[in-house]
C-alpha atoms as a PDB file:
ATOM      1  CA  MET A   1      21.832   7.724 -18.921  1.00  0.00           C
ATOM      2  CA  SER A   2      18.722  10.283 -18.258  1.00  0.00           C
ATOM      3  CA  ASP A   3      18.643  13.502 -16.786  1.00  0.00           C
ATOM      4  CA  ARG A   4      15.766  12.619 -15.272  1.00  0.00           C
ATOM      5  CA  GLY A   5      17.047  10.010 -13.010  1.00  0.00           C
ATOM      6  CA  THR A   6      17.831   6.231 -12.748  1.00  0.00           C
ATOM      7  CA  ILE A   7      15.540   3.518 -11.609  1.00  0.00           C
ATOM      8  CA  LEU A   8      16.500   0.217 -10.397  1.00  0.00           C
ATOM      9  CA  VAL A   9      13.261  -2.201 -10.598  1.00  0.00           C
ATOM     10  CA  VAL A  10      13.412  -5.312  -8.351  1.00  0.00           C
ATOM     11  CA  ASP A  11      10.816  -8.008  -9.024  1.00  0.00           C
ATOM     12  CA  ASP A  12      10.902 -12.004  -9.896  1.00  0.00           C
ATOM     13  CA  GLN A  13       7.597 -11.864 -12.306  1.00  0.00           C
ATOM     14  CA  PRO A  14       9.306 -11.099 -15.961  1.00  0.00           C
ATOM     15  CA  GLN A  15       5.361  -9.475 -16.582  1.00  0.00           C
ATOM     16  CA  ASN A  16       5.600  -6.765 -13.856  1.00  0.00           C
ATOM     17  CA  LEU A  17       9.439  -5.889 -15.113  1.00  0.00           C
ATOM     18  CA  ARG A  18       8.504  -5.397 -18.387  1.00  0.00           C
ATOM     19  CA  LEU A  19       5.907  -3.098 -17.337  1.00  0.00           C
ATOM     20  CA  ALA A  20       8.005  -1.243 -15.269  1.00  0.00           C
ATOM     21  CA  VAL A  21      10.389  -0.670 -18.222  1.00  0.00           C
ATOM     22  CA  SER A  22       7.340   0.600 -20.532  1.00  0.00           C
ATOM     23  CA  LEU A  23       5.898   2.953 -17.830  1.00  0.00           C
ATOM     24  CA  PHE A  24       9.494   4.383 -16.763  1.00  0.00           C
ATOM     25  CA  GLY A  25      11.650   3.940 -19.911  1.00  0.00           C
ATOM     26  CA  GLY A  26      10.628   6.960 -21.691  1.00  0.00           C
ATOM     27  CA  GLY A  27      12.063   9.522 -19.270  1.00  0.00           C
ATOM     28  CA  TYR A  28      14.222   7.385 -16.698  1.00  0.00           C
ATOM     29  CA  GLU A  29      16.934   4.975 -17.309  1.00  0.00           C
ATOM     30  CA  VAL A  30      15.618   1.564 -16.034  1.00  0.00           C
ATOM     31  CA  ARG A  31      17.623  -1.312 -15.175  1.00  0.00           C
ATOM     32  CA  THR A  32      15.951  -4.432 -13.603  1.00  0.00           C
ATOM     33  CA  ALA A  33      16.534  -7.251 -11.433  1.00  0.00           C
ATOM     34  CA  SER A  34      14.552 -10.314 -11.242  1.00  0.00           C
ATOM     35  CA  SER A  35      15.781 -11.870  -7.958  1.00  0.00           C
ATOM     36  CA  LEU A  36      17.495 -10.279  -4.644  1.00  0.00           C
ATOM     37  CA  ARG A  37      21.256 -11.518  -5.441  1.00  0.00           C
ATOM     38  CA  ALA A  38      20.397  -9.532  -9.242  1.00  0.00           C
ATOM     39  CA  ALA A  39      20.003  -6.694  -7.448  1.00  0.00           C
ATOM     40  CA  LEU A  40      22.987  -6.804  -4.878  1.00  0.00           C
ATOM     41  CA  GLU A  41      24.656  -7.738  -8.160  1.00  0.00           C
ATOM     42  CA  GLU A  42      23.320  -4.226  -9.837  1.00  0.00           C
ATOM     43  CA  LEU A  43      23.922  -2.161  -6.597  1.00  0.00           C
ATOM     44  CA  ARG A  44      27.602  -3.148  -6.425  1.00  0.00           C
ATOM     45  CA  ALA A  45      28.107  -1.889  -9.647  1.00  0.00           C
ATOM     46  CA  TRP A  46      25.822   0.864 -10.263  1.00  0.00           C
ATOM     47  CA  VAL A  47      23.898   3.441  -7.680  1.00  0.00           C
ATOM     48  CA  PRO A  48      20.198   4.161  -9.055  1.00  0.00           C
ATOM     49  CA  ASP A  49      18.210   7.398  -7.742  1.00  0.00           C
ATOM     50  CA  LEU A  50      15.296   5.328  -6.837  1.00  0.00           C
ATOM     51  CA  ILE A  51      14.555   1.515  -6.101  1.00  0.00           C
ATOM     52  CA  LEU A  52      11.218  -0.045  -6.791  1.00  0.00           C
ATOM     53  CA  SER A  53      11.209  -3.174  -5.235  1.00  0.00           C
ATOM     54  CA  ASP A  54       8.389  -6.199  -4.930  1.00  0.00           C
ATOM     55  CA  LEU A  55       7.965  -7.263  -1.289  1.00  0.00           C
ATOM     56  CA  ILE A  56       7.887 -10.925  -1.641  1.00  0.00           C
ATOM     57  CA  MET A  57      10.280 -13.079  -3.994  1.00  0.00           C
ATOM     58  CA  GLY A  58      11.641 -16.474  -4.786  1.00  0.00           C
ATOM     59  CA  ASP A  59      15.073 -16.048  -3.567  1.00  0.00           C
ATOM     60  CA  GLY A  60      14.735 -13.630  -0.417  1.00  0.00           C
ATOM     61  CA  SER A  61      12.266 -10.428   0.317  1.00  0.00           C
ATOM     62  CA  GLY A  62      12.326  -6.879  -0.401  1.00  0.00           C
ATOM     63  CA  TYR A  63      12.604  -6.540   3.298  1.00  0.00           C
ATOM     64  CA  GLU A  64      16.254  -8.249   2.820  1.00  0.00           C
ATOM     65  CA  LEU A  65      17.107  -5.767   0.401  1.00  0.00           C
ATOM     66  CA  ILE A  66      16.075  -2.779   2.039  1.00  0.00           C
ATOM     67  CA  ARG A  67      18.001  -3.536   5.120  1.00  0.00           C
ATOM     68  CA  LEU A  68      21.279  -4.361   2.848  1.00  0.00           C
ATOM     69  CA  VAL A  69      20.742  -0.705   0.979  1.00  0.00           C
ATOM     70  CA  LYS A  70      19.697   1.240   4.535  1.00  0.00           C
ATOM     71  CA  ALA A  71      22.858  -0.319   5.988  1.00  0.00           C
ATOM     72  CA  ASP A  72      25.178   0.870   3.112  1.00  0.00           C
ATOM     73  CA  PRO A  73      25.986   4.448   3.346  1.00  0.00           C
ATOM     74  CA  ARG A  74      27.072   4.963  -0.636  1.00  0.00           C
ATOM     75  CA  LEU A  75      22.967   3.468  -0.846  1.00  0.00           C
ATOM     76  CA  ALA A  76      21.133   4.495   2.326  1.00  0.00           C
ATOM     77  CA  ALA A  77      19.522   7.738   0.869  1.00  0.00           C
ATOM     78  CA  ILE A  78      18.288   6.066  -2.085  1.00  0.00           C
ATOM     79  CA  PRO A  79      14.463   6.182  -1.873  1.00  0.00           C
ATOM     80  CA  PHE A  80      12.927   3.024  -1.807  1.00  0.00           C
ATOM     81  CA  ILE A  81       9.534   2.002  -2.871  1.00  0.00           C
ATOM     82  CA  PHE A  82       8.001  -1.380  -2.321  1.00  0.00           C
ATOM     83  CA  VAL A  83       5.332  -2.336  -5.178  1.00  0.00           C
ATOM     84  CA  THR A  84       3.244  -5.327  -2.983  1.00  0.00           C
ATOM     85  CA  SER A  85      -0.393  -6.912  -3.615  1.00  0.00           C
ATOM     86  CA  ARG A  86      -3.316  -5.350  -2.002  1.00  0.00           C
ATOM     87  CA  SER A  87      -3.642  -8.631  -0.321  1.00  0.00           C
ATOM     88  CA  THR A  88      -0.385  -7.992   1.733  1.00  0.00           C
ATOM     89  CA  PRO A  89      -1.186  -8.096   5.591  1.00  0.00           C
ATOM     90  CA  LEU A  90      -1.123  -4.560   7.246  1.00  0.00           C
ATOM     91  CA  ARG A  91       1.621  -5.754   9.468  1.00  0.00           C
ATOM     92  CA  HIS A  92       3.874  -6.476   6.789  1.00  0.00           C
ATOM     93  CA  ARG A  93       3.063  -2.818   5.171  1.00  0.00           C
ATOM     94  CA  GLU A  94       3.980  -1.397   8.465  1.00  0.00           C
ATOM     95  CA  ILE A  95       7.323  -3.556   8.727  1.00  0.00           C
ATOM     96  CA  GLY A  96       8.244  -1.888   5.023  1.00  0.00           C
ATOM     97  CA  ALA A  97       7.652   1.625   6.520  1.00  0.00           C
ATOM     98  CA  ALA A  98       9.743   1.227   9.234  1.00  0.00           C
ATOM     99  CA  LEU A  99      12.624  -0.361   7.519  1.00  0.00           C
ATOM    100  CA  GLY A 100      12.399   3.188   5.682  1.00  0.00           C
ATOM    101  CA  ALA A 101      10.672   2.636   2.737  1.00  0.00           C
ATOM    102  CA  ALA A 102       9.533   5.822   1.320  1.00  0.00           C
ATOM    103  CA  GLN A 103       6.031   4.329   0.366  1.00  0.00           C
ATOM    104  CA  VAL A 104       4.352   1.321  -0.135  1.00  0.00           C
ATOM    105  CA  ILE A 105       2.212   1.126  -3.578  1.00  0.00           C
ATOM    106  CA  PHE A 106      -0.230  -1.916  -4.007  1.00  0.00           C
ATOM    107  CA  ARG A 107      -0.932  -3.554  -7.351  1.00  0.00           C
ATOM    108  CA  PRO A 108      -2.705  -3.159  -9.148  1.00  0.00           C
ATOM    109  CA  ALA A 109      -1.338   0.347  -9.474  1.00  0.00           C
ATOM    110  CA  ASP A 110      -2.604   3.142 -11.518  1.00  0.00           C
ATOM    111  CA  PRO A 111       0.114   3.750 -13.697  1.00  0.00           C
ATOM    112  CA  GLN A 112      -0.134   7.398 -13.791  1.00  0.00           C
ATOM    113  CA  MET A 113      -0.183   7.190 -10.218  1.00  0.00           C
ATOM    114  CA  LEU A 114       3.108   4.916 -10.061  1.00  0.00           C
ATOM    115  CA  LEU A 115       4.647   7.539 -12.063  1.00  0.00           C
ATOM    116  CA  ALA A 116       4.114  10.400 -10.058  1.00  0.00           C
ATOM    117  CA  VAL A 117       4.768   8.724  -7.074  1.00  0.00           C
ATOM    118  CA  VAL A 118       8.226   8.075  -8.292  1.00  0.00           C
ATOM    119  CA  ARG A 119       8.675  11.706  -9.877  1.00  0.00           C
ATOM    120  CA  ARG A 120       7.989  12.889  -6.589  1.00  0.00           C
ATOM    121  CA  HIS A 121      10.632  10.714  -4.505  1.00  0.00           C
ATOM    122  CA  LEU A 122      13.351  11.670  -7.242  1.00  0.00           C
ATOM    123  CA  ARG A 123      12.784  15.185  -7.079  1.00  0.00           C
ATOM    124  CA  SER A 124      12.776  15.160  -3.132  1.00  0.00           C
ATOM    125  CA  SER A 125      15.917  13.067  -3.278  1.00  0.00           C
ATOM    126  CA  THR A 126      17.967  15.656  -5.226  1.00  0.00           C
END
């Protein structure tokens, strides 16, 4: 376990999961889930310090995931960040914020900016 924090990355695209592990793995404990169901299994067994989730996945959406996270008293305080395509319509971005997302980041994201966002949200949650 990392002293700097733990992150659950949820995305149905393997290349995005690999990128996240590469980017965050040097300083954080990173676990990945490639589906909504896998994310829920991880969250039953483990409580991360931050959740970074894709918005649209093959077996569900990040909206479903954040609703379940925010409804669970054990998980509700975890900062939740959406990472989504720049082409995602504005109304979908607004929905994420209304559901309690700490931030919405658009792909392609600058790796240094993404690291800074994660650091900031991890610091503010402790």
